[in-house]
Amino acid sequence: MPLTMPEELMLLMLDDATGRLMERAMPAGDFALAGAALSELALAGRIDSDPQRLYVTDPTPTGDPLLDGVLARLGSLLQPQDTRGWIETLAMDAAEMRDALFARLVAAGVLRQQDSRFLWFFSERRYPQASGREEREVKARLLGVLFNDDIPDTRDVLLIGLARAANLFAVILSEEELQRAQPRIDQVADFEEINRALAAAVRDILGQVARYAFLA
């Protein structure tokens, strides 16, 4: 069964060597994960957006518990929110989303769960990849878009925007490759309104973090 966009993003955010989420992907990764859920719902024809609001076009459940939970929240709010507002709202529940996605990827045999203890009482959980095939396929798809001039499909456009927001291309590509690919990354990612809203949210939040750190 094909992976959903939130699942693909989780694989890209995992450090292959440690089985942990990469520190450089946080806190932007929380916003990217919220954007991934919205992107998957948009691809499923359940939501749409304009510059003023994001709205439900079809409340029919998708059969995916995580996505259907998000869809229910989108349909329950009386006061409309734009895409950026929903990204920021959903990102507050990113920890629960990550736990659910890890459990699904382990159940599907994509990841393995390793529990250990250090200093006798601190527990630690890691998620090494079972074979790495799924992650390699996702990366190959994205690189195929970035290094040729073909028109990408909407799923890959959205995933490139998510990876950009979480600063993942700095890990996937060498410094030279990233410099060469950055114009193409921005061109492709900005095709979609969700990606533009996500990029704006991440810029503002990271700017706030930097200001607080400076003041401290």
Protein backbone atom coordinates (compact mmCIF):
# COMPACT_ATOMS: atom_id res chain seq x y z
CA MET A 1 0.00 0.00 0.00
CA PRO A 2 1.47 3.42 -0.96
CA LEU A 3 2.71 5.61 1.87
CA THR A 4 0.81 8.77 2.69
CA MET A 5 2.55 12.12 2.58
CA PRO A 6 2.84 12.37 6.39
CA GLU A 7 4.48 8.92 6.39
CA GLU A 8 6.89 9.88 3.62
CA LEU A 9 7.82 13.06 5.48
CA MET A 10 8.51 11.09 8.68
CA LEU A 11 10.95 8.85 6.80
CA LEU A 12 12.76 11.89 5.41
CA MET A 13 13.01 13.44 8.90
CA LEU A 14 14.57 10.33 10.45
CA ASP A 15 18.33 10.17 10.90
CA ASP A 16 19.36 6.95 9.15
CA ALA A 17 22.27 6.40 11.54
CA THR A 18 20.43 6.85 14.85
CA GLY A 19 16.78 6.11 14.10
CA ARG A 20 15.82 9.40 15.75
CA LEU A 21 14.22 12.50 14.29
CA MET A 22 16.86 14.91 13.04
CA GLU A 23 17.28 17.91 15.32
CA ARG A 24 17.74 20.23 12.35
CA ALA A 25 14.21 19.36 11.17
CA MET A 26 12.67 20.77 14.37
CA PRO A 27 10.64 22.83 15.17
CA ALA A 28 9.88 23.41 11.49
CA GLY A 29 9.13 19.70 11.13
CA ASP A 30 6.04 20.06 13.30
CA PHE A 31 4.61 22.61 10.87
CA ALA A 32 5.66 20.47 7.91
CA LEU A 33 3.84 17.48 9.42
CA ALA A 34 0.66 19.54 9.77
CA GLY A 35 1.11 20.68 6.18
CA ALA A 36 1.56 17.06 5.09
CA ALA A 37 -1.80 16.07 6.58
CA LEU A 38 -3.50 18.99 4.83
CA SER A 39 -1.72 18.17 1.58
CA GLU A 40 -2.91 14.56 1.67
CA LEU A 41 -6.48 15.69 2.30
CA ALA A 42 -6.23 18.13 -0.60
CA LEU A 43 -5.02 15.34 -2.89
CA ALA A 44 -7.92 13.18 -1.71
CA GLY A 45 -10.36 15.91 -2.76
CA ARG A 46 -11.54 16.58 0.79
CA ILE A 47 -10.35 20.18 1.19
CA ASP A 48 -9.55 23.24 -0.88
CA SER A 49 -8.31 26.72 -0.10
CA ASP A 50 -8.12 30.30 -1.25
CA PRO A 51 -6.05 33.17 0.17
CA GLN A 52 -8.66 33.83 2.87
CA ARG A 53 -9.66 30.37 4.09
CA LEU A 54 -9.16 26.64 3.97
CA TYR A 55 -12.41 24.72 3.78
CA VAL A 56 -13.85 21.21 3.54
CA THR A 57 -15.27 20.30 0.14
CA ASP A 58 -16.15 16.68 0.96
CA PRO A 59 -16.55 15.48 4.58
CA THR A 60 -16.57 11.80 3.60
CA PRO A 61 -13.99 9.94 5.73
CA THR A 62 -10.90 8.73 3.90
CA GLY A 63 -10.53 5.59 6.02
CA ASP A 64 -7.21 6.88 7.41
CA PRO A 65 -7.68 7.56 11.17
CA LEU A 66 -5.10 10.33 11.32
CA LEU A 67 -6.40 12.15 8.25
CA ASP A 68 -10.03 11.68 9.28
CA GLY A 69 -9.27 13.22 12.67
CA VAL A 70 -7.83 16.28 10.95
CA LEU A 71 -10.76 16.40 8.52
CA ALA A 72 -13.24 16.36 11.41
CA ARG A 73 -11.43 19.26 13.07
CA LEU A 74 -11.44 21.26 9.85
CA GLY A 75 -15.20 20.80 9.54
CA SER A 76 -15.99 21.58 13.17
CA LEU A 77 -14.64 25.12 13.42
CA LEU A 78 -17.29 27.79 13.00
CA GLN A 79 -14.82 30.62 12.47
CA PRO A 80 -12.93 30.17 9.15
CA GLN A 81 -9.14 30.00 9.17
CA ASP A 82 -6.71 30.35 6.30
CA THR A 83 -4.18 27.67 5.42
CA ARG A 84 -1.46 29.16 7.58
CA GLY A 85 -3.79 29.36 10.56
CA TRP A 86 -4.63 25.68 10.25
CA ILE A 87 -0.97 24.71 9.87
CA GLU A 88 -0.17 26.49 13.12
CA THR A 89 -3.21 25.00 14.88
CA LEU A 90 -2.51 21.42 13.80
CA ALA A 91 1.21 21.71 14.57
CA MET A 92 0.32 21.93 18.26
CA ASP A 93 -0.68 18.24 18.05
CA ALA A 94 2.43 17.19 16.11
CA ALA A 95 3.74 14.94 18.91
CA GLU A 96 0.57 12.82 18.82
CA MET A 97 0.72 12.71 15.02
CA ARG A 98 4.34 11.51 15.12
CA ASP A 99 3.52 8.75 17.59
CA ALA A 100 0.64 7.54 15.43
CA LEU A 101 2.78 7.59 12.29
CA PHE A 102 5.65 5.74 13.94
CA ALA A 103 3.23 3.03 15.11
CA ARG A 104 1.83 2.67 11.58
CA LEU A 105 5.24 2.48 9.95
CA VAL A 106 6.36 -0.15 12.44
CA ALA A 107 3.17 -2.17 11.88
CA ALA A 108 3.75 -1.97 8.11
CA GLY A 109 7.31 -3.28 8.48
CA VAL A 110 8.88 -0.06 7.20
CA LEU A 111 10.50 0.80 10.56
CA ARG A 112 11.66 -1.23 13.55
CA GLN A 113 11.08 -0.07 17.12
CA GLN A 114 14.03 -0.27 19.51
CA ASP A 115 13.58 0.51 23.21
CA SER A 116 16.57 0.94 25.48
CA ARG A 117 17.62 2.59 28.73
CA PHE A 118 20.59 4.75 29.63
CA LEU A 119 21.80 5.88 33.06
CA TRP A 120 19.62 3.01 34.33
CA PHE A 121 16.33 4.90 34.34
CA PHE A 122 16.01 7.10 31.26
CA SER A 123 14.18 5.32 28.47
CA GLU A 124 14.89 5.91 24.79
CA ARG A 125 13.04 4.82 21.69
CA ARG A 126 14.51 4.68 18.21
CA TYR A 127 13.04 3.79 14.84
CA PRO A 128 15.68 2.36 12.48
CA GLN A 129 14.49 1.51 9.00
CA ALA A 130 13.82 -2.12 8.19
CA SER A 131 15.31 -2.00 4.68
CA GLY A 132 15.46 1.67 3.71
CA ARG A 133 13.77 0.90 0.39
CA GLU A 134 10.81 3.22 0.98
CA GLU A 135 13.00 6.18 1.90
CA ARG A 136 15.26 5.62 -1.10
CA GLU A 137 12.24 5.59 -3.38
CA VAL A 138 10.93 8.87 -1.94
CA LYS A 139 14.33 10.55 -2.30
CA ALA A 140 14.77 9.26 -5.85
CA ARG A 141 11.38 10.70 -6.79
CA LEU A 142 12.25 14.13 -5.39
CA LEU A 143 15.71 14.22 -6.97
CA GLY A 144 14.21 13.27 -10.32
CA VAL A 145 12.04 16.38 -10.13
CA LEU A 146 14.81 18.71 -8.99
CA PHE A 147 17.40 17.78 -11.59
CA ASN A 148 15.29 17.76 -14.72
CA ASP A 149 12.79 20.14 -16.30
CA ASP A 150 9.80 17.80 -16.43
CA ILE A 151 6.53 19.06 -14.99
CA PRO A 152 6.17 17.28 -11.61
CA ASP A 153 2.92 15.81 -10.37
CA THR A 154 1.08 17.53 -7.54
CA ARG A 155 2.13 15.01 -4.88
CA ASP A 156 5.81 15.63 -5.56
CA VAL A 157 5.29 19.39 -5.66
CA LEU A 158 3.69 19.26 -2.21
CA LEU A 159 6.36 16.96 -0.77
CA ILE A 160 9.14 19.22 -2.06
CA GLY A 161 7.49 22.12 -0.24
CA LEU A 162 7.31 20.07 2.96
CA ALA A 163 10.95 19.02 2.70
CA ARG A 164 11.97 22.63 2.07
CA ALA A 165 10.09 23.83 5.14
CA ALA A 166 11.75 21.21 7.37
CA ASN A 167 15.23 22.05 5.97
CA LEU A 168 15.66 18.48 4.74
CA PHE A 169 17.36 19.25 1.45
CA ALA A 170 20.45 20.34 3.41
CA VAL A 171 20.70 16.69 4.50
CA ILE A 172 19.59 14.99 1.28
CA LEU A 173 21.90 17.02 -0.98
CA SER A 174 25.53 18.02 -0.79
CA GLU A 175 26.27 21.72 -0.36
CA GLU A 176 27.13 22.03 -4.05
CA GLU A 177 24.00 20.14 -5.13
CA LEU A 178 21.80 22.26 -2.87
CA GLN A 179 23.20 25.48 -4.28
CA ARG A 180 22.49 24.24 -7.79
CA ALA A 181 19.02 22.91 -6.96
CA GLN A 182 17.71 25.74 -4.73
CA PRO A 183 16.14 27.80 -7.55
CA ARG A 184 14.34 24.69 -8.81
CA ILE A 185 13.24 23.76 -5.26
CA ASP A 186 11.71 27.20 -4.78
CA GLN A 187 10.15 27.27 -8.23
CA VAL A 188 8.46 23.88 -7.81
CA ALA A 189 7.45 24.31 -4.16
CA ASP A 190 5.79 27.66 -4.80
CA PHE A 191 3.40 26.13 -7.33
CA GLU A 192 1.05 25.24 -4.43
CA GLU A 193 -0.68 27.61 -1.99
CA ILE A 194 -0.22 25.18 0.91
CA ASN A 195 3.55 25.26 0.39
CA ARG A 196 3.63 29.05 0.30
CA ALA A 197 1.60 29.28 3.52
CA LEU A 198 3.81 26.69 5.19
CA ALA A 199 7.00 28.51 4.20
CA ALA A 200 5.62 31.79 5.58
CA ALA A 201 4.61 30.17 8.87
CA VAL A 202 8.01 28.53 9.33
CA ARG A 203 9.88 31.75 8.52
CA ASP A 204 7.88 33.71 11.08
CA ILE A 205 8.10 31.10 13.82
CA LEU A 206 11.85 30.61 13.41
CA GLY A 207 12.27 34.38 13.32
CA GLN A 208 10.46 34.62 16.65
CA VAL A 209 12.65 31.87 18.13
CA ALA A 210 15.77 33.71 16.99
CA ARG A 211 14.54 36.99 18.51
CA TYR A 212 13.76 35.34 21.85
CA ALA A 213 17.19 33.69 21.89
CA PHE A 214 18.85 37.05 21.20
CA LEU A 215 16.90 38.79 23.95
CA ALA A 216 17.69 36.03 26.43
